[in-house]
Amino acid sequence: MIRRTALLTSLALIGPLVPYEADAKCAMSHLRPDVLTTQASIGGGIVVAAESVPYDVADEGDAVQPTWKLEVGGVTSTPKIDVLAPGLAVYRLPAAAGDATLLDGTKVIAKVTTIRTQPVQLLAPKVKGVRHEKRLGRRASAYTRVALDGAPPEGVVALVLADAKGKPRSFGVVTAGEKEITVYAHPRCGVVPNDTVESKPGDRVTLFWVDASGRTSPVSKPVTVSGKTEAERE
């Protein structure tokens, strides 16, 4: 059975580290890899993101799954995996690949149709602002949200937040038409993918798009993160 869930940006990016604080009543979330690609351009790949799941769902790990195989034209091989951001990866297809199947042993993870034409060139994100809000205390949480000047381009599946030099820190899954995207989410009892960096007010950051084939756009102009930290009121 092919799993293709629609990720909510408010739940994106949760991964396999530790919660903010030990709490006997806090059931830590898990993550599992979720495929964002149904069609890939020639020379592209299959984009996989770490998806947050409740504590009672099996922990299947991050976006990078070294044991997964790629089947193209009846030939099975180990795909090259490029990490685009913590919790976000692309499994590259051969340059002349036809339709491809991503496998975990004999289990079909995804079937992807190859498009023979190259998609339109991506432009850098048009960013109005980046805001980080954090709450301290027993219900600690932190979120970073990006306000866009217009809807996301057609075909993009993720927005990556990077530092001023372009090194990825976190990402958010894109829903068509939305003008605000959560690119970092650490709710109470939540965890984030390995190597994720929390961007704080005053940080200078850039952003770039990732499309369904794993192509990336140019980075945006640097933006200063705004926001605040609040202590929980007892």
Protein backbone atom coordinates (compact mmCIF):
# COMPACT_ATOMS: atom_id res chain seq x y z
CA MET A 1 0.00 0.00 0.00
CA ILE A 2 1.41 3.36 -1.00
CA ARG A 3 1.42 5.92 1.78
CA ARG A 4 1.01 9.52 0.66
CA THR A 5 -0.29 11.69 3.47
CA ALA A 6 -0.88 15.41 3.35
CA LEU A 7 1.42 16.92 5.91
CA LEU A 8 0.16 19.81 7.96
CA THR A 9 2.79 22.49 8.24
CA SER A 10 1.96 22.90 11.88
CA LEU A 11 3.13 19.33 12.42
CA ALA A 12 6.05 19.28 10.02
CA LEU A 13 9.63 18.82 11.09
CA ILE A 14 9.16 16.75 14.24
CA GLY A 15 11.96 14.26 14.70
CA PRO A 16 13.93 11.87 16.85
CA LEU A 17 15.59 13.86 19.59
CA VAL A 18 14.31 14.78 23.06
CA PRO A 19 11.33 16.81 24.29
CA TYR A 20 11.80 20.19 25.98
CA GLU A 21 11.56 18.70 29.44
CA ALA A 22 10.81 15.41 31.14
CA ASP A 23 7.13 15.24 32.03
CA ALA A 24 5.43 12.09 33.26
CA LYS A 25 2.26 13.20 31.52
CA CYS A 26 4.06 14.02 28.27
CA ALA A 27 3.92 11.29 25.60
CA MET A 28 6.77 12.03 23.20
CA SER A 29 5.89 12.08 19.51
CA HIS A 30 7.64 9.98 16.85
CA LEU A 31 8.36 10.52 13.20
CA ARG A 32 8.15 8.56 10.01
CA PRO A 33 9.27 9.30 6.43
CA ASP A 34 6.56 10.59 4.10
CA VAL A 35 6.86 10.84 0.31
CA LEU A 36 5.99 14.26 -1.16
CA THR A 37 6.56 13.34 -4.82
CA THR A 38 4.06 11.78 -7.23
CA GLN A 39 5.67 13.09 -10.43
CA ALA A 40 9.39 13.75 -10.98
CA SER A 41 11.13 15.48 -13.86
CA ILE A 42 13.94 13.83 -15.81
CA GLY A 43 17.08 14.01 -13.69
CA GLY A 44 15.04 14.78 -10.59
CA GLY A 45 14.13 12.57 -7.69
CA ILE A 46 11.69 11.56 -4.98
CA VAL A 47 11.35 14.01 -2.08
CA VAL A 48 10.85 12.49 1.37
CA ALA A 49 10.08 14.46 4.54
CA ALA A 50 10.04 13.55 8.22
CA GLU A 51 6.40 13.53 9.34
CA SER A 52 5.28 13.89 12.94
CA VAL A 53 3.11 11.08 14.26
CA PRO A 54 1.54 10.50 17.71
CA TYR A 55 3.37 8.54 20.38
CA ASP A 56 1.22 5.44 19.81
CA VAL A 57 2.28 5.21 16.14
CA ALA A 58 5.47 3.30 15.39
CA ASP A 59 8.67 5.33 15.14
CA GLU A 60 9.93 4.65 11.60
CA GLY A 61 12.80 7.11 11.59
CA ASP A 62 13.90 10.14 9.62
CA ALA A 63 13.67 11.03 5.93
CA VAL A 64 16.95 9.28 5.14
CA GLN A 65 16.38 5.52 4.93
CA PRO A 66 19.65 3.87 3.79
CA THR A 67 18.04 0.46 3.27
CA TRP A 68 15.41 1.66 0.78
CA LYS A 69 15.87 0.64 -2.84
CA LEU A 70 14.83 2.12 -6.17
CA GLU A 71 13.35 -0.03 -8.92
CA VAL A 72 13.41 1.35 -12.47
CA GLY A 73 12.69 -0.80 -15.51
CA GLY A 74 12.88 -3.97 -13.47
CA VAL A 75 16.34 -3.12 -12.13
CA THR A 76 16.77 -2.53 -8.40
CA SER A 77 19.52 -0.25 -7.09
CA THR A 78 20.53 1.80 -4.07
CA PRO A 79 19.56 5.43 -4.72
CA LYS A 80 21.81 8.41 -4.11
CA ILE A 81 20.27 10.43 -1.28
CA ASP A 82 20.81 14.18 -0.99
CA VAL A 83 19.88 15.85 2.29
CA LEU A 84 18.27 19.21 1.54
CA ALA A 85 17.59 20.14 5.17
CA PRO A 86 17.36 18.31 8.51
CA GLY A 87 14.42 15.95 8.01
CA LEU A 88 14.15 16.55 4.25
CA ALA A 89 15.86 14.44 1.57
CA VAL A 90 15.66 13.61 -2.12
CA TYR A 91 16.24 10.11 -3.52
CA ARG A 92 17.78 10.78 -6.93
CA LEU A 93 16.51 9.02 -10.06
CA PRO A 94 18.78 8.00 -12.95
CA ALA A 95 18.98 10.70 -15.63
CA ALA A 96 16.91 8.70 -18.14
CA ALA A 97 14.64 6.92 -15.67
CA GLY A 98 11.14 5.86 -16.56
CA ASP A 99 8.51 5.28 -13.91
CA ALA A 100 10.14 4.37 -10.59
CA THR A 101 9.18 2.49 -7.44
CA LEU A 102 10.68 3.17 -4.02
CA LEU A 103 10.91 -0.01 -1.95
CA ASP A 104 11.53 -0.99 1.65
CA GLY A 105 12.32 -4.65 1.16
CA THR A 106 9.24 -5.90 -0.68
CA LYS A 107 7.04 -3.10 0.66
CA VAL A 108 6.16 -0.41 -1.88
CA ILE A 109 6.76 3.03 -0.36
CA ALA A 110 5.89 5.04 -3.47
CA LYS A 111 5.42 4.82 -7.22
CA VAL A 112 6.51 7.87 -9.18
CA THR A 113 5.73 8.87 -12.77
CA THR A 114 8.56 10.56 -14.65
CA ILE A 115 7.76 13.75 -16.56
CA ARG A 116 9.71 14.11 -19.81
CA THR A 117 9.77 17.91 -19.78
CA GLN A 118 11.65 20.12 -17.36
CA PRO A 119 9.53 22.26 -15.01
CA VAL A 120 9.63 26.05 -15.09
CA GLN A 121 12.67 27.54 -13.36
CA LEU A 122 12.04 28.33 -9.70
CA LEU A 123 12.49 31.85 -8.38
CA ALA A 124 13.65 32.79 -4.89
CA PRO A 125 10.90 33.07 -2.25
CA LYS A 126 9.35 36.51 -1.79
CA VAL A 127 9.42 36.91 1.98
CA LYS A 128 7.53 39.57 3.94
CA GLY A 129 8.87 38.45 7.31
CA VAL A 130 10.02 35.59 9.55
CA ARG A 131 8.71 35.36 13.11
CA HIS A 132 9.78 33.04 15.95
CA GLU A 133 7.63 32.58 19.04
CA LYS A 134 8.68 30.53 22.04
CA ARG A 135 6.96 29.66 25.29
CA LEU A 136 8.93 28.47 28.34
CA GLY A 137 7.62 26.33 31.18
CA ARG A 138 5.83 23.01 31.58
CA ARG A 139 4.09 23.49 28.23
CA ALA A 140 7.17 24.72 26.39
CA SER A 141 6.91 25.13 22.63
CA ALA A 142 8.52 27.03 19.77
CA TYR A 143 7.45 27.87 16.23
CA THR A 144 9.01 29.77 13.33
CA ARG A 145 6.64 31.01 10.65
CA VAL A 146 7.35 32.69 7.32
CA ALA A 147 4.97 35.28 5.87
CA LEU A 148 5.09 35.29 2.07
CA ASP A 149 4.37 38.01 -0.45
CA GLY A 150 1.99 35.87 -2.49
CA ALA A 151 1.18 32.17 -2.78
CA PRO A 152 3.90 29.52 -3.23
CA PRO A 153 4.86 28.69 -6.84
CA GLU A 154 3.10 25.74 -8.46
CA GLY A 155 4.89 22.46 -7.91
CA VAL A 156 6.84 23.31 -4.76
CA VAL A 157 6.52 20.92 -1.82
CA ALA A 158 8.74 22.46 0.87
CA LEU A 159 10.25 25.72 2.07
CA VAL A 160 13.69 25.52 3.68
CA LEU A 161 14.99 28.03 6.21
CA ALA A 162 18.78 28.48 6.13
CA ASP A 163 21.28 30.73 7.82
CA ALA A 164 22.60 33.88 6.14
CA LYS A 165 25.24 31.81 4.32
CA GLY A 166 22.66 29.34 2.99
CA LYS A 167 23.20 26.40 5.38
CA PRO A 168 19.80 24.72 5.98
CA ARG A 169 18.40 24.81 9.52
CA SER A 170 14.81 23.57 9.24
CA PHE A 171 11.95 23.24 6.77
CA GLY A 172 8.21 23.27 6.35
CA VAL A 173 5.90 21.37 4.02
CA VAL A 174 3.98 23.58 1.59
CA THR A 175 0.23 23.57 1.05
CA ALA A 176 -0.95 25.16 -2.20
CA GLY A 177 -2.22 28.72 -1.77
CA GLU A 178 -1.03 29.34 1.78
CA LYS A 179 0.80 32.58 2.47
CA GLU A 180 2.24 31.64 5.87
CA ILE A 181 4.38 28.53 6.28
CA THR A 182 5.68 27.00 9.50
CA VAL A 183 9.36 26.15 8.97
CA TYR A 184 10.16 25.10 12.54
CA ALA A 185 7.76 23.42 14.96
CA HIS A 186 8.63 22.14 18.41
CA PRO A 187 5.40 21.66 20.34
CA ARG A 188 5.11 20.36 23.88
CA CYS A 189 6.21 16.71 23.90
CA GLY A 190 7.60 17.16 20.41
CA VAL A 191 11.09 16.55 19.09
CA VAL A 192 12.91 17.76 15.98
CA PRO A 193 15.05 15.99 13.36
CA ASN A 194 18.75 15.58 14.03
CA ASP A 195 20.81 18.68 13.15
CA THR A 196 17.78 20.99 13.17
CA VAL A 197 18.66 24.50 14.33
CA GLU A 198 16.16 26.75 16.08
CA SER A 199 16.28 30.24 14.59
CA LYS A 200 15.85 32.98 17.17
CA PRO A 201 14.84 36.64 17.03
CA GLY A 202 17.73 38.70 15.68
CA ASP A 203 19.12 35.89 13.51
CA ARG A 204 19.72 36.66 9.84
CA VAL A 205 18.25 33.89 7.69
CA THR A 206 17.52 33.02 4.06
CA LEU A 207 14.93 30.75 2.47
CA PHE A 208 14.59 28.59 -0.63
CA TRP A 209 11.94 26.43 -2.29
CA VAL A 210 12.11 22.71 -3.03
CA ASP A 211 9.90 21.32 -5.79
CA ALA A 212 8.44 17.83 -6.19
CA SER A 213 11.51 16.67 -8.13
CA GLY A 214 13.95 17.84 -5.47
CA ARG A 215 15.10 20.93 -7.38
CA THR A 216 15.92 23.98 -5.26
CA SER A 217 15.36 27.65 -5.98
CA PRO A 218 17.86 30.46 -5.47
CA VAL A 219 17.91 31.69 -1.86
CA SER A 220 16.01 34.76 -0.79
CA LYS A 221 17.63 37.94 0.42
CA PRO A 222 18.64 37.72 4.10
CA VAL A 223 15.83 38.46 6.53
CA THR A 224 16.07 39.27 10.25
CA VAL A 225 13.94 37.01 12.44
CA SER A 226 11.49 38.83 14.69
CA GLY A 227 9.47 37.44 17.60
CA LYS A 228 9.42 36.95 21.35
CA THR A 229 9.87 34.48 24.19
CA GLU A 230 7.23 34.21 26.89
CA ALA A 231 7.32 32.44 30.25
CA GLU A 232 4.32 30.31 31.09
CA ARG A 233 2.03 31.85 33.65
CA GLU A 234 1.28 29.58 36.59
